[in-house]
């Protein structure tokens, strides 16, 4: 399993970024997928999730209405559109499948998002 995140960077408060995660080594289209984030010294925090067919998505309260998770199963790619960014969104962002599955035991390299004026 390989998950390669990209799209992070520096954004101003109120700005936008779009993260991508290209998956390989497993059948992407049959797995629920998630975005997590981590700040120094903290555990990974589940931010958003999508069922395999995008029929249901869920978000933590702090990003509802600002972030949108989506996926393109033909391209084996998961996305996170982040709008109206806040300083507290600063973190490394990772994609993963359900963490209880052994194939998702490891994290990718993540992509760093920094929100600062």
C-alpha atoms as a PDB file:
ATOM      1  CA  UNK A   1       0.000   0.000   0.000  1.00  0.00           C
ATOM      2  CA  UNK A   2       1.258   3.431  -0.925  1.00  0.00           C
ATOM      3  CA  UNK A   3      -0.460   6.719  -0.161  1.00  0.00           C
ATOM      4  CA  UNK A   4       1.158   9.868  -1.521  1.00  0.00           C
ATOM      5  CA  UNK A   5      -0.219  13.159  -0.274  1.00  0.00           C
ATOM      6  CA  UNK A   6       0.413  16.496  -1.953  1.00  0.00           C
ATOM      7  CA  UNK A   7      -0.992  19.981  -2.291  1.00  0.00           C
ATOM      8  CA  UNK A   8      -0.048  21.457   1.040  1.00  0.00           C
ATOM      9  CA  UNK A   9       1.700  24.764   1.466  1.00  0.00           C
ATOM     10  CA  UNK A  10       1.430  28.181   3.003  1.00  0.00           C
ATOM     11  CA  UNK A  11      -1.919  29.933   2.943  1.00  0.00           C
ATOM     12  CA  UNK A  12      -3.277  33.062   4.537  1.00  0.00           C
ATOM     13  CA  UNK A  13      -6.269  32.920   6.854  1.00  0.00           C
ATOM     14  CA  UNK A  14      -9.363  32.777   4.694  1.00  0.00           C
ATOM     15  CA  UNK A  15      -7.443  31.191   1.859  1.00  0.00           C
ATOM     16  CA  UNK A  16      -7.863  27.824   0.183  1.00  0.00           C
ATOM     17  CA  UNK A  17      -5.831  24.740  -0.565  1.00  0.00           C
ATOM     18  CA  UNK A  18      -6.666  21.461  -2.265  1.00  0.00           C
ATOM     19  CA  UNK A  19      -4.938  18.346  -1.038  1.00  0.00           C
ATOM     20  CA  UNK A  20      -4.592  15.184  -3.102  1.00  0.00           C
ATOM     21  CA  UNK A  21      -3.748  11.632  -2.144  1.00  0.00           C
ATOM     22  CA  UNK A  22      -2.814   9.109  -4.802  1.00  0.00           C
ATOM     23  CA  UNK A  23      -3.315   5.536  -3.673  1.00  0.00           C
ATOM     24  CA  UNK A  24      -1.797   2.322  -4.955  1.00  0.00           C
ATOM     25  CA  UNK A  25      -1.304  -1.260  -3.837  1.00  0.00           C
ATOM     26  CA  UNK A  26      -4.920  -1.928  -2.920  1.00  0.00           C
ATOM     27  CA  UNK A  27      -8.376  -1.670  -4.436  1.00  0.00           C
ATOM     28  CA  UNK A  28      -9.041   1.987  -3.754  1.00  0.00           C
ATOM     29  CA  UNK A  29     -12.603   1.936  -5.059  1.00  0.00           C
ATOM     30  CA  UNK A  30     -13.775  -0.560  -2.445  1.00  0.00           C
ATOM     31  CA  UNK A  31     -12.402   1.181   0.637  1.00  0.00           C
ATOM     32  CA  UNK A  32     -13.717   3.992   2.769  1.00  0.00           C
ATOM     33  CA  UNK A  33     -11.055   6.683   2.930  1.00  0.00           C
ATOM     34  CA  UNK A  34     -10.186   9.391   5.402  1.00  0.00           C
ATOM     35  CA  UNK A  35      -8.131  12.510   5.916  1.00  0.00           C
ATOM     36  CA  UNK A  36      -6.296  12.938   9.203  1.00  0.00           C
ATOM     37  CA  UNK A  37      -4.135  15.730  10.512  1.00  0.00           C
ATOM     38  CA  UNK A  38      -1.428  15.904  13.112  1.00  0.00           C
ATOM     39  CA  UNK A  39       0.264  18.732  14.964  1.00  0.00           C
ATOM     40  CA  UNK A  40       3.527  18.340  16.895  1.00  0.00           C
ATOM     41  CA  UNK A  41       3.112  16.271  20.030  1.00  0.00           C
ATOM     42  CA  UNK A  42      -0.461  15.325  19.227  1.00  0.00           C
ATOM     43  CA  UNK A  43      -2.151  12.187  17.960  1.00  0.00           C
ATOM     44  CA  UNK A  44      -3.528  11.997  14.454  1.00  0.00           C
ATOM     45  CA  UNK A  45      -6.971  13.604  14.331  1.00  0.00           C
ATOM     46  CA  UNK A  46      -9.632  12.305  11.965  1.00  0.00           C
ATOM     47  CA  UNK A  47     -10.798  15.284   9.909  1.00  0.00           C
ATOM     48  CA  UNK A  48     -13.038  13.890   7.187  1.00  0.00           C
ATOM     49  CA  UNK A  49     -14.166  10.559   5.820  1.00  0.00           C
ATOM     50  CA  UNK A  50     -15.838   9.251   2.701  1.00  0.00           C
ATOM     51  CA  UNK A  51     -17.445   5.939   1.943  1.00  0.00           C
ATOM     52  CA  UNK A  52     -16.097   4.024  -1.025  1.00  0.00           C
ATOM     53  CA  UNK A  53     -18.775   5.405  -3.356  1.00  0.00           C
ATOM     54  CA  UNK A  54     -18.868   8.896  -1.816  1.00  0.00           C
ATOM     55  CA  UNK A  55     -22.439   8.208  -0.730  1.00  0.00           C
ATOM     56  CA  UNK A  56     -21.679   9.471   2.747  1.00  0.00           C
ATOM     57  CA  UNK A  57     -19.130  11.942   4.022  1.00  0.00           C
ATOM     58  CA  UNK A  58     -18.425  13.045   7.563  1.00  0.00           C
ATOM     59  CA  UNK A  59     -16.445  15.887   9.086  1.00  0.00           C
ATOM     60  CA  UNK A  60     -15.332  17.021  12.464  1.00  0.00           C
ATOM     61  CA  UNK A  61     -17.280  20.016  13.672  1.00  0.00           C
ATOM     62  CA  UNK A  62     -14.388  22.449  13.321  1.00  0.00           C
ATOM     63  CA  UNK A  63     -14.150  21.967   9.539  1.00  0.00           C
ATOM     64  CA  UNK A  64     -17.804  21.506   8.619  1.00  0.00           C
ATOM     65  CA  UNK A  65     -18.832  23.945   5.924  1.00  0.00           C
ATOM     66  CA  UNK A  66     -15.204  24.723   5.082  1.00  0.00           C
ATOM     67  CA  UNK A  67     -13.663  21.418   3.991  1.00  0.00           C
ATOM     68  CA  UNK A  68     -14.950  19.002   1.374  1.00  0.00           C
ATOM     69  CA  UNK A  69     -13.696  15.456   0.932  1.00  0.00           C
ATOM     70  CA  UNK A  70     -14.080  13.862  -2.473  1.00  0.00           C
ATOM     71  CA  UNK A  71     -12.584  11.057  -4.489  1.00  0.00           C
ATOM     72  CA  UNK A  72     -12.046   9.912  -8.043  1.00  0.00           C
ATOM     73  CA  UNK A  73     -12.067   6.136  -8.037  1.00  0.00           C
ATOM     74  CA  UNK A  74     -10.947   6.019 -11.661  1.00  0.00           C
ATOM     75  CA  UNK A  75      -7.798   7.890 -10.700  1.00  0.00           C
ATOM     76  CA  UNK A  76      -7.324   6.218  -7.298  1.00  0.00           C
ATOM     77  CA  UNK A  77      -7.197   9.681  -5.798  1.00  0.00           C
ATOM     78  CA  UNK A  78      -8.674  11.235  -2.667  1.00  0.00           C
ATOM     79  CA  UNK A  79      -9.065  14.989  -2.326  1.00  0.00           C
ATOM     80  CA  UNK A  80      -9.613  17.505   0.432  1.00  0.00           C
ATOM     81  CA  UNK A  81     -10.748  20.954  -0.613  1.00  0.00           C
ATOM     82  CA  UNK A  82     -10.029  23.349   2.231  1.00  0.00           C
ATOM     83  CA  UNK A  83     -11.642  26.774   2.131  1.00  0.00           C
ATOM     84  CA  UNK A  84     -11.715  29.622   4.628  1.00  0.00           C
ATOM     85  CA  UNK A  85      -8.579  28.288   6.235  1.00  0.00           C
ATOM     86  CA  UNK A  86      -7.865  29.168   9.841  1.00  0.00           C
ATOM     87  CA  UNK A  87      -4.603  29.304  11.741  1.00  0.00           C
ATOM     88  CA  UNK A  88      -5.749  26.279  13.742  1.00  0.00           C
ATOM     89  CA  UNK A  89      -5.872  24.209  10.542  1.00  0.00           C
ATOM     90  CA  UNK A  90      -2.067  24.267  10.495  1.00  0.00           C
ATOM     91  CA  UNK A  91      -0.901  20.641  10.591  1.00  0.00           C
ATOM     92  CA  UNK A  92       0.481  17.777   8.589  1.00  0.00           C
ATOM     93  CA  UNK A  93      -2.346  16.141   6.658  1.00  0.00           C
ATOM     94  CA  UNK A  94      -2.476  12.431   5.878  1.00  0.00           C
ATOM     95  CA  UNK A  95      -4.858  10.183   4.024  1.00  0.00           C
ATOM     96  CA  UNK A  96      -5.612   6.650   5.074  1.00  0.00           C
ATOM     97  CA  UNK A  97      -8.176   3.934   4.976  1.00  0.00           C
ATOM     98  CA  UNK A  98      -9.780   2.523   8.116  1.00  0.00           C
ATOM     99  CA  UNK A  99      -6.985   2.250  10.645  1.00  0.00           C
ATOM    100  CA  UNK A 100      -8.195  -1.126  11.974  1.00  0.00           C
ATOM    101  CA  UNK A 101      -7.233  -2.728   8.660  1.00  0.00           C
ATOM    102  CA  UNK A 102      -3.641  -4.046   8.699  1.00  0.00           C
ATOM    103  CA  UNK A 103      -2.960  -2.722   5.206  1.00  0.00           C
ATOM    104  CA  UNK A 104      -3.313   0.820   6.572  1.00  0.00           C
ATOM    105  CA  UNK A 105      -0.983   0.313   9.536  1.00  0.00           C
ATOM    106  CA  UNK A 106       1.582   2.795   8.178  1.00  0.00           C
ATOM    107  CA  UNK A 107       1.234   6.461   7.342  1.00  0.00           C
ATOM    108  CA  UNK A 108       2.380   8.169   4.172  1.00  0.00           C
ATOM    109  CA  UNK A 109       4.720  11.131   4.268  1.00  0.00           C
ATOM    110  CA  UNK A 110       1.863  13.579   4.649  1.00  0.00           C
ATOM    111  CA  UNK A 111       1.626  17.102   3.310  1.00  0.00           C
ATOM    112  CA  UNK A 112       2.202  20.167   5.436  1.00  0.00           C
ATOM    113  CA  UNK A 113      -0.394  22.896   5.641  1.00  0.00           C
ATOM    114  CA  UNK A 114       0.584  26.179   7.261  1.00  0.00           C
ATOM    115  CA  UNK A 115      -1.976  28.913   7.709  1.00  0.00           C
ATOM    116  CA  UNK A 116      -0.422  32.189   8.681  1.00  0.00           C
ATOM    117  CA  UNK A 117      -0.761  35.874   7.979  1.00  0.00           C
END
